Every structure is written in C-alpha cells, then in structure tokens.
PDB file of N, CA and C in Angstrom:
ATOM      1  N   UNK A   1       9.075  12.839  -7.368  1.00  0.00           N
ATOM      2  CA  UNK A   1       7.708  13.257  -7.126  1.00  0.00           C
ATOM      3  C   UNK A   1       7.645  13.902  -5.747  1.00  0.00           C
ATOM      4  N   UNK A   2       6.951  15.006  -5.665  1.00  0.00           N
ATOM      5  CA  UNK A   2       6.798  15.674  -4.372  1.00  0.00           C
ATOM      6  C   UNK A   2       5.676  15.007  -3.573  1.00  0.00           C
ATOM      7  N   UNK A   3       5.632  15.299  -2.297  1.00  0.00           N
ATOM      8  CA  UNK A   3       4.565  14.752  -1.456  1.00  0.00           C
ATOM      9  C   UNK A   3       3.201  15.231  -1.949  1.00  0.00           C
ATOM     10  N   UNK A   4       3.105  16.483  -2.348  1.00  0.00           N
ATOM     11  CA  UNK A   4       1.827  17.026  -2.823  1.00  0.00           C
ATOM     12  C   UNK A   4       1.376  16.329  -4.109  1.00  0.00           C
ATOM     13  N   UNK A   5       2.304  16.061  -5.016  1.00  0.00           N
ATOM     14  CA  UNK A   5       1.963  15.336  -6.246  1.00  0.00           C
ATOM     15  C   UNK A   5       1.512  13.917  -5.922  1.00  0.00           C
ATOM     16  N   UNK A   6       2.214  13.266  -5.013  1.00  0.00           N
ATOM     17  CA  UNK A   6       1.863  11.898  -4.618  1.00  0.00           C
ATOM     18  C   UNK A   6       0.493  11.847  -3.961  1.00  0.00           C
ATOM     19  N   UNK A   7       0.158  12.843  -3.148  1.00  0.00           N
ATOM     20  CA  UNK A   7      -1.138  12.863  -2.466  1.00  0.00           C
ATOM     21  C   UNK A   7      -2.302  12.885  -3.452  1.00  0.00           C
ATOM     22  N   UNK A   8      -2.098  13.451  -4.628  1.00  0.00           N
ATOM     23  CA  UNK A   8      -3.176  13.524  -5.621  1.00  0.00           C
ATOM     24  C   UNK A   8      -3.539  12.158  -6.200  1.00  0.00           C
ATOM     25  N   UNK A   9      -2.581  11.226  -6.246  1.00  0.00           N
ATOM     26  CA  UNK A   9      -2.865   9.920  -6.853  1.00  0.00           C
ATOM     27  C   UNK A   9      -2.805   8.761  -5.862  1.00  0.00           C
ATOM     28  N   UNK A  10      -2.386   9.032  -4.633  1.00  0.00           N
ATOM     29  CA  UNK A  10      -2.254   7.970  -3.632  1.00  0.00           C
ATOM     30  C   UNK A  10      -3.619   7.452  -3.196  1.00  0.00           C
ATOM     31  N   UNK A  11      -3.667   6.160  -2.897  1.00  0.00           N
ATOM     32  CA  UNK A  11      -4.879   5.562  -2.341  1.00  0.00           C
ATOM     33  C   UNK A  11      -4.696   5.192  -0.871  1.00  0.00           C
ATOM     34  N   UNK A  12      -3.436   5.062  -0.419  1.00  0.00           N
ATOM     35  CA  UNK A  12      -3.161   4.633   0.950  1.00  0.00           C
ATOM     36  C   UNK A  12      -1.930   5.344   1.505  1.00  0.00           C
ATOM     37  N   UNK A  13      -1.914   5.491   2.832  1.00  0.00           N
ATOM     38  CA  UNK A  13      -0.737   6.003   3.535  1.00  0.00           C
ATOM     39  C   UNK A  13      -0.284   4.922   4.509  1.00  0.00           C
ATOM     40  N   UNK A  14       0.999   4.598   4.470  1.00  0.00           N
ATOM     41  CA  UNK A  14       1.599   3.620   5.373  1.00  0.00           C
ATOM     42  C   UNK A  14       1.713   4.233   6.766  1.00  0.00           C
ATOM     43  N   UNK A  15       1.691   3.402   7.785  1.00  0.00           N
ATOM     44  CA  UNK A  15       1.741   3.938   9.150  1.00  0.00           C
ATOM     45  C   UNK A  15       3.031   4.706   9.434  1.00  0.00           C
ATOM     46  N   UNK A  16       4.076   4.490   8.626  1.00  0.00           N
ATOM     47  CA  UNK A  16       5.321   5.252   8.786  1.00  0.00           C
ATOM     48  C   UNK A  16       5.322   6.529   7.952  1.00  0.00           C
ATOM     49  N   UNK A  17       4.231   6.783   7.196  1.00  0.00           N
ATOM     50  CA  UNK A  17       4.085   8.051   6.492  1.00  0.00           C
ATOM     51  C   UNK A  17       4.159   8.007   4.985  1.00  0.00           C
ATOM     52  N   UNK A  18       4.671   6.931   4.403  1.00  0.00           N
ATOM     53  CA  UNK A  18       4.801   6.847   2.952  1.00  0.00           C
ATOM     54  C   UNK A  18       3.449   6.809   2.249  1.00  0.00           C
ATOM     55  N   UNK A  19       3.446   7.252   0.991  1.00  0.00           N
ATOM     56  CA  UNK A  19       2.229   7.265   0.179  1.00  0.00           C
ATOM     57  C   UNK A  19       2.310   6.198  -0.898  1.00  0.00           C
ATOM     58  N   UNK A  20       1.196   5.489  -1.100  1.00  0.00           N
ATOM     59  CA  UNK A  20       1.149   4.347  -2.008  1.00  0.00           C
ATOM     60  C   UNK A  20      -0.138   4.368  -2.814  1.00  0.00           C
ATOM     61  N   UNK A  21      -0.095   3.709  -3.979  1.00  0.00           N
ATOM     62  CA  UNK A  21      -1.281   3.558  -4.820  1.00  0.00           C
ATOM     63  C   UNK A  21      -1.480   2.072  -5.072  1.00  0.00           C
ATOM     64  N   UNK A  22      -2.637   1.550  -4.682  1.00  0.00           N
ATOM     65  CA  UNK A  22      -2.943   0.144  -4.926  1.00  0.00           C
ATOM     66  C   UNK A  22      -3.281  -0.028  -6.401  1.00  0.00           C
ATOM     67  N   UNK A  23      -2.617  -0.995  -7.027  1.00  0.00           N
ATOM     68  CA  UNK A  23      -2.853  -1.327  -8.428  1.00  0.00           C
ATOM     69  C   UNK A  23      -3.973  -2.359  -8.529  1.00  0.00           C
ATOM     70  N   UNK A  24      -3.943  -3.346  -7.634  1.00  0.00           N
ATOM     71  CA  UNK A  24      -4.967  -4.382  -7.646  1.00  0.00           C
ATOM     72  C   UNK A  24      -4.594  -5.524  -6.724  1.00  0.00           C
ATOM     73  N   UNK A  25      -5.417  -6.562  -6.760  1.00  0.00           N
ATOM     74  CA  UNK A  25      -5.174  -7.777  -5.987  1.00  0.00           C
ATOM     75  C   UNK A  25      -4.902  -8.891  -6.989  1.00  0.00           C
ATOM     76  N   UNK A  26      -3.849  -9.663  -6.729  1.00  0.00           N
ATOM     77  CA  UNK A  26      -3.454 -10.756  -7.621  1.00  0.00           C
ATOM     78  C   UNK A  26      -3.359 -12.046  -6.811  1.00  0.00           C
ATOM     79  N   UNK A  27      -3.093 -13.141  -7.506  1.00  0.00           N
ATOM     80  CA  UNK A  27      -2.924 -14.440  -6.842  1.00  0.00           C
ATOM     81  C   UNK A  27      -1.513 -14.954  -7.082  1.00  0.00           C
ATOM     82  N   UNK A  28      -0.922 -15.511  -6.040  1.00  0.00           N
ATOM     83  CA  UNK A  28       0.389 -16.147  -6.155  1.00  0.00           C
ATOM     84  C   UNK A  28       0.221 -17.401  -7.007  1.00  0.00           C
ATOM     85  N   UNK A  29       1.099 -17.601  -7.977  1.00  0.00           N
ATOM     86  CA  UNK A  29       0.936 -18.699  -8.939  1.00  0.00           C
ATOM     87  C   UNK A  29       1.071 -20.083  -8.321  1.00  0.00           C
ATOM     88  N   UNK A  30       1.799 -20.219  -7.243  1.00  0.00           N
ATOM     89  CA  UNK A  30       2.003 -21.533  -6.630  1.00  0.00           C
ATOM     90  C   UNK A  30       1.034 -21.811  -5.489  1.00  0.00           C
ATOM     91  N   UNK A  31       0.742 -20.804  -4.692  1.00  0.00           N
ATOM     92  CA  UNK A  31      -0.068 -21.019  -3.489  1.00  0.00           C
ATOM     93  C   UNK A  31      -1.494 -20.502  -3.617  1.00  0.00           C
ATOM     94  N   UNK A  32      -1.751 -19.693  -4.640  1.00  0.00           N
ATOM     95  CA  UNK A  32      -3.036 -19.022  -4.850  1.00  0.00           C
ATOM     96  C   UNK A  32      -3.378 -18.034  -3.733  1.00  0.00           C
ATOM     97  N   UNK A  33      -2.388 -17.678  -2.926  1.00  0.00           N
ATOM     98  CA  UNK A  33      -2.598 -16.669  -1.888  1.00  0.00           C
ATOM     99  C   UNK A  33      -2.876 -15.319  -2.553  1.00  0.00           C
ATOM    100  N   UNK A  34      -3.826 -14.569  -2.014  1.00  0.00           N
ATOM    101  CA  UNK A  34      -4.121 -13.229  -2.521  1.00  0.00           C
ATOM    102  C   UNK A  34      -3.036 -12.265  -2.060  1.00  0.00           C
ATOM    103  N   UNK A  35      -2.518 -11.480  -3.011  1.00  0.00           N
ATOM    104  CA  UNK A  35      -1.512 -10.468  -2.702  1.00  0.00           C
ATOM    105  C   UNK A  35      -1.968  -9.133  -3.265  1.00  0.00           C
ATOM    106  N   UNK A  36      -1.639  -8.067  -2.561  1.00  0.00           N
ATOM    107  CA  UNK A  36      -1.941  -6.715  -3.025  1.00  0.00           C
ATOM    108  C   UNK A  36      -0.735  -6.218  -3.819  1.00  0.00           C
ATOM    109  N   UNK A  37      -0.996  -5.722  -5.020  1.00  0.00           N
ATOM    110  CA  UNK A  37       0.040  -5.114  -5.857  1.00  0.00           C
ATOM    111  C   UNK A  37      -0.100  -3.607  -5.666  1.00  0.00           C
ATOM    112  N   UNK A  38       0.986  -2.961  -5.236  1.00  0.00           N
ATOM    113  CA  UNK A  38       0.889  -1.530  -4.961  1.00  0.00           C
ATOM    114  C   UNK A  38       2.161  -0.815  -5.380  1.00  0.00           C
ATOM    115  N   UNK A  39       2.012   0.476  -5.640  1.00  0.00           N
ATOM    116  CA  UNK A  39       3.120   1.296  -6.103  1.00  0.00           C
ATOM    117  C   UNK A  39       3.534   2.275  -5.017  1.00  0.00           C
ATOM    118  N   UNK A  40       4.800   2.278  -4.714  1.00  0.00           N
ATOM    119  CA  UNK A  40       5.355   3.274  -3.795  1.00  0.00           C
ATOM    120  C   UNK A  40       5.473   4.590  -4.545  1.00  0.00           C
ATOM    121  N   UNK A  41       4.938   5.664  -3.969  1.00  0.00           N
ATOM    122  CA  UNK A  41       4.949   6.969  -4.626  1.00  0.00           C
ATOM    123  C   UNK A  41       5.883   7.968  -3.966  1.00  0.00           C
ATOM    124  N   UNK A  42       5.897   7.977  -2.652  1.00  0.00           N
ATOM    125  CA  UNK A  42       6.652   8.974  -1.901  1.00  0.00           C
ATOM    126  C   UNK A  42       6.965   8.422  -0.526  1.00  0.00           C
ATOM    127  N   UNK A  43       8.100   8.612   0.092  1.00  0.00           N
ATOM    128  CA  UNK A  43       9.136   9.578  -0.225  1.00  0.00           C
ATOM    129  C   UNK A  43      10.245   9.025  -1.116  1.00  0.00           C
ATOM    130  N   UNK A  44      10.243   7.744  -1.408  1.00  0.00           N
ATOM    131  CA  UNK A  44      11.312   7.156  -2.225  1.00  0.00           C
ATOM    132  C   UNK A  44      10.876   7.065  -3.681  1.00  0.00           C
ATOM    133  N   UNK A  45      11.783   6.624  -4.528  1.00  0.00           N
ATOM    134  CA  UNK A  45      11.493   6.490  -5.958  1.00  0.00           C
ATOM    135  C   UNK A  45      10.330   5.531  -6.187  1.00  0.00           C
ATOM    136  N   UNK A  46       9.558   5.796  -7.222  1.00  0.00           N
ATOM    137  CA  UNK A  46       8.413   4.948  -7.541  1.00  0.00           C
ATOM    138  C   UNK A  46       8.892   3.533  -7.845  1.00  0.00           C
ATOM    139  N   UNK A  47       8.182   2.558  -7.282  1.00  0.00           N
ATOM    140  CA  UNK A  47       8.490   1.152  -7.519  1.00  0.00           C
ATOM    141  C   UNK A  47       7.271   0.324  -7.152  1.00  0.00           C
ATOM    142  N   UNK A  48       7.181  -0.876  -7.743  1.00  0.00           N
ATOM    143  CA  UNK A  48       6.058  -1.770  -7.476  1.00  0.00           C
ATOM    144  C   UNK A  48       6.430  -2.776  -6.402  1.00  0.00           C
ATOM    145  N   UNK A  49       5.435  -3.110  -5.573  1.00  0.00           N
ATOM    146  CA  UNK A  49       5.603  -4.054  -4.478  1.00  0.00           C
ATOM    147  C   UNK A  49       4.390  -4.970  -4.418  1.00  0.00           C
ATOM    148  N   UNK A  50       4.569  -6.126  -3.787  1.00  0.00           N
ATOM    149  CA  UNK A  50       3.442  -6.997  -3.455  1.00  0.00           C
ATOM    150  C   UNK A  50       3.559  -7.374  -1.991  1.00  0.00           C
ATOM    151  N   UNK A  51       2.402  -7.591  -1.381  1.00  0.00           N
ATOM    152  CA  UNK A  51       2.348  -7.987   0.023  1.00  0.00           C
ATOM    153  C   UNK A  51       1.114  -8.861   0.177  1.00  0.00           C
ATOM    154  N   UNK A  52       1.181  -9.932   0.976  1.00  0.00           N
ATOM    155  CA  UNK A  52      -0.022 -10.725   1.204  1.00  0.00           C
ATOM    156  C   UNK A  52      -1.182  -9.821   1.639  1.00  0.00           C
ATOM    157  N   UNK A  53      -2.364 -10.080   1.079  1.00  0.00           N
ATOM    158  CA  UNK A  53      -3.520  -9.222   1.345  1.00  0.00           C
ATOM    159  C   UNK A  53      -3.818  -9.122   2.835  1.00  0.00           C
ATOM    160  N   UNK A  54      -3.731 -10.240   3.546  1.00  0.00           N
ATOM    161  CA  UNK A  54      -4.003 -10.216   4.988  1.00  0.00           C
ATOM    162  C   UNK A  54      -3.026  -9.295   5.717  1.00  0.00           C
ATOM    163  N   UNK A  55      -1.754  -9.304   5.318  1.00  0.00           N
ATOM    164  CA  UNK A  55      -0.754  -8.439   5.946  1.00  0.00           C
ATOM    165  C   UNK A  55      -0.982  -6.974   5.560  1.00  0.00           C
ATOM    166  N   UNK A  56      -1.340  -6.720   4.312  1.00  0.00           N
ATOM    167  CA  UNK A  56      -1.599  -5.352   3.863  1.00  0.00           C
ATOM    168  C   UNK A  56      -2.728  -4.731   4.683  1.00  0.00           C
ATOM    169  N   UNK A  57      -3.753  -5.529   4.971  1.00  0.00           N
ATOM    170  CA  UNK A  57      -4.942  -5.030   5.671  1.00  0.00           C
ATOM    171  C   UNK A  57      -4.880  -5.160   7.188  1.00  0.00           C
ATOM    172  N   UNK A  58      -3.776  -5.656   7.723  1.00  0.00           N
ATOM    173  CA  UNK A  58      -3.731  -5.907   9.165  1.00  0.00           C
ATOM    174  C   UNK A  58      -3.631  -4.627   9.986  1.00  0.00           C
ATOM    175  N   UNK A  59      -4.000  -4.780  11.250  1.00  0.00           N
ATOM    176  CA  UNK A  59      -3.891  -3.714  12.241  1.00  0.00           C
ATOM    177  C   UNK A  59      -2.728  -4.059  13.158  1.00  0.00           C
ATOM    178  N   UNK A  60      -1.910  -3.082  13.465  1.00  0.00           N
ATOM    179  CA  UNK A  60      -0.747  -3.294  14.322  1.00  0.00           C
ATOM    180  C   UNK A  60      -1.170  -3.412  15.787  1.00  0.00           C
ATOM    181  N   UNK A  61      -0.231  -3.779  16.640  1.00  0.00           N
ATOM    182  CA  UNK A  61      -0.528  -4.005  18.062  1.00  0.00           C
ATOM    183  C   UNK A  61      -1.141  -2.791  18.746  1.00  0.00           C
ATOM    184  N   UNK A  62      -0.803  -1.592  18.283  1.00  0.00           N
ATOM    185  CA  UNK A  62      -1.349  -0.377  18.908  1.00  0.00           C
ATOM    186  C   UNK A  62      -2.654   0.082  18.250  1.00  0.00           C
ATOM    187  N   UNK A  63      -3.282  -0.782  17.460  1.00  0.00           N
ATOM    188  CA  UNK A  63      -4.568  -0.543  16.781  1.00  0.00           C
ATOM    189  C   UNK A  63      -4.448   0.380  15.566  1.00  0.00           C
ATOM    190  N   UNK A  64      -3.232   0.655  15.120  1.00  0.00           N
ATOM    191  CA  UNK A  64      -3.011   1.456  13.919  1.00  0.00           C
ATOM    192  C   UNK A  64      -3.051   0.545  12.702  1.00  0.00           C
ATOM    193  N   UNK A  65      -3.795   0.909  11.657  1.00  0.00           N
ATOM    194  CA  UNK A  65      -3.754   0.088  10.441  1.00  0.00           C
ATOM    195  C   UNK A  65      -2.390   0.218   9.764  1.00  0.00           C
ATOM    196  N   UNK A  66      -1.891  -0.889   9.206  1.00  0.00           N
ATOM    197  CA  UNK A  66      -0.609  -0.842   8.492  1.00  0.00           C
ATOM    198  C   UNK A  66      -0.691   0.156   7.337  1.00  0.00           C
ATOM    199  N   UNK A  67      -1.772   0.081   6.551  1.00  0.00           N
ATOM    200  CA  UNK A  67      -2.039   1.023   5.470  1.00  0.00           C
ATOM    201  C   UNK A  67      -3.419   1.621   5.701  1.00  0.00           C
ATOM    202  N   UNK A  68      -3.505   2.941   5.732  1.00  0.00           N
ATOM    203  CA  UNK A  68      -4.784   3.633   5.911  1.00  0.00           C
ATOM    204  C   UNK A  68      -5.262   4.115   4.551  1.00  0.00           C
ATOM    205  N   UNK A  69      -6.497   3.723   4.213  1.00  0.00           N
ATOM    206  CA  UNK A  69      -7.061   4.156   2.940  1.00  0.00           C
ATOM    207  C   UNK A  69      -7.344   5.648   2.982  1.00  0.00           C
ATOM    208  N   UNK A  70      -7.011   6.342   1.917  1.00  0.00           N
ATOM    209  CA  UNK A  70      -7.215   7.787   1.821  1.00  0.00           C
ATOM    210  C   UNK A  70      -8.499   8.092   1.063  1.00  0.00           C
ATOM    211  N   UNK A  71      -9.037   9.263   1.305  1.00  0.00           N
ATOM    212  CA  UNK A  71     -10.186   9.730   0.539  1.00  0.00           C
ATOM    213  C   UNK A  71     -11.534   9.258   1.014  1.00  0.00           C
ATOM    214  N   UNK A  72     -11.576   8.592   2.156  1.00  0.00           N
ATOM    215  CA  UNK A  72     -12.880   8.151   2.683  1.00  0.00           C
ATOM    216  C   UNK A  72     -13.330   9.034   3.816  1.00  0.00           C
TER     217      UNK A  72
END
C-alpha cells in the first residue's frame, strides 16, 4: 500500500510517521483493561496490533501525542 492509499483510510498517524486505522476498543479477558485494536497501514505491511488505551492516548515528554487523530 502506498502512503497516499493509506492516508485515505487512516484514522491516526504515529509520532514516528506511520499511518494506522483504529478498529475499536476491546477488553483484556483477564484484567478487563481497555485496549485499542488498530491496523498498521503504512510504511510496513498491514497487520493488527493492540495497545493499552491509556498508552495509545498518552502524550510524550515533549508534548507530542503518541498517535494523532487525523481528519479533525
């Protein structure tokens, strides 16, 4: 997938530049912790990932969001 193709369906950009699409929020079966389910679109091959919701939404030490929502 090219960067331009990924930009059309991406919902977030990682602070390192990658493009991602959030699938939804799920719960860990043992801890009930909320996790974000998201798909990596670009620059690497498409794949699914999960990350704790608090970590997905966190701001780094330099005030940069880990993932910036696109389209707002």
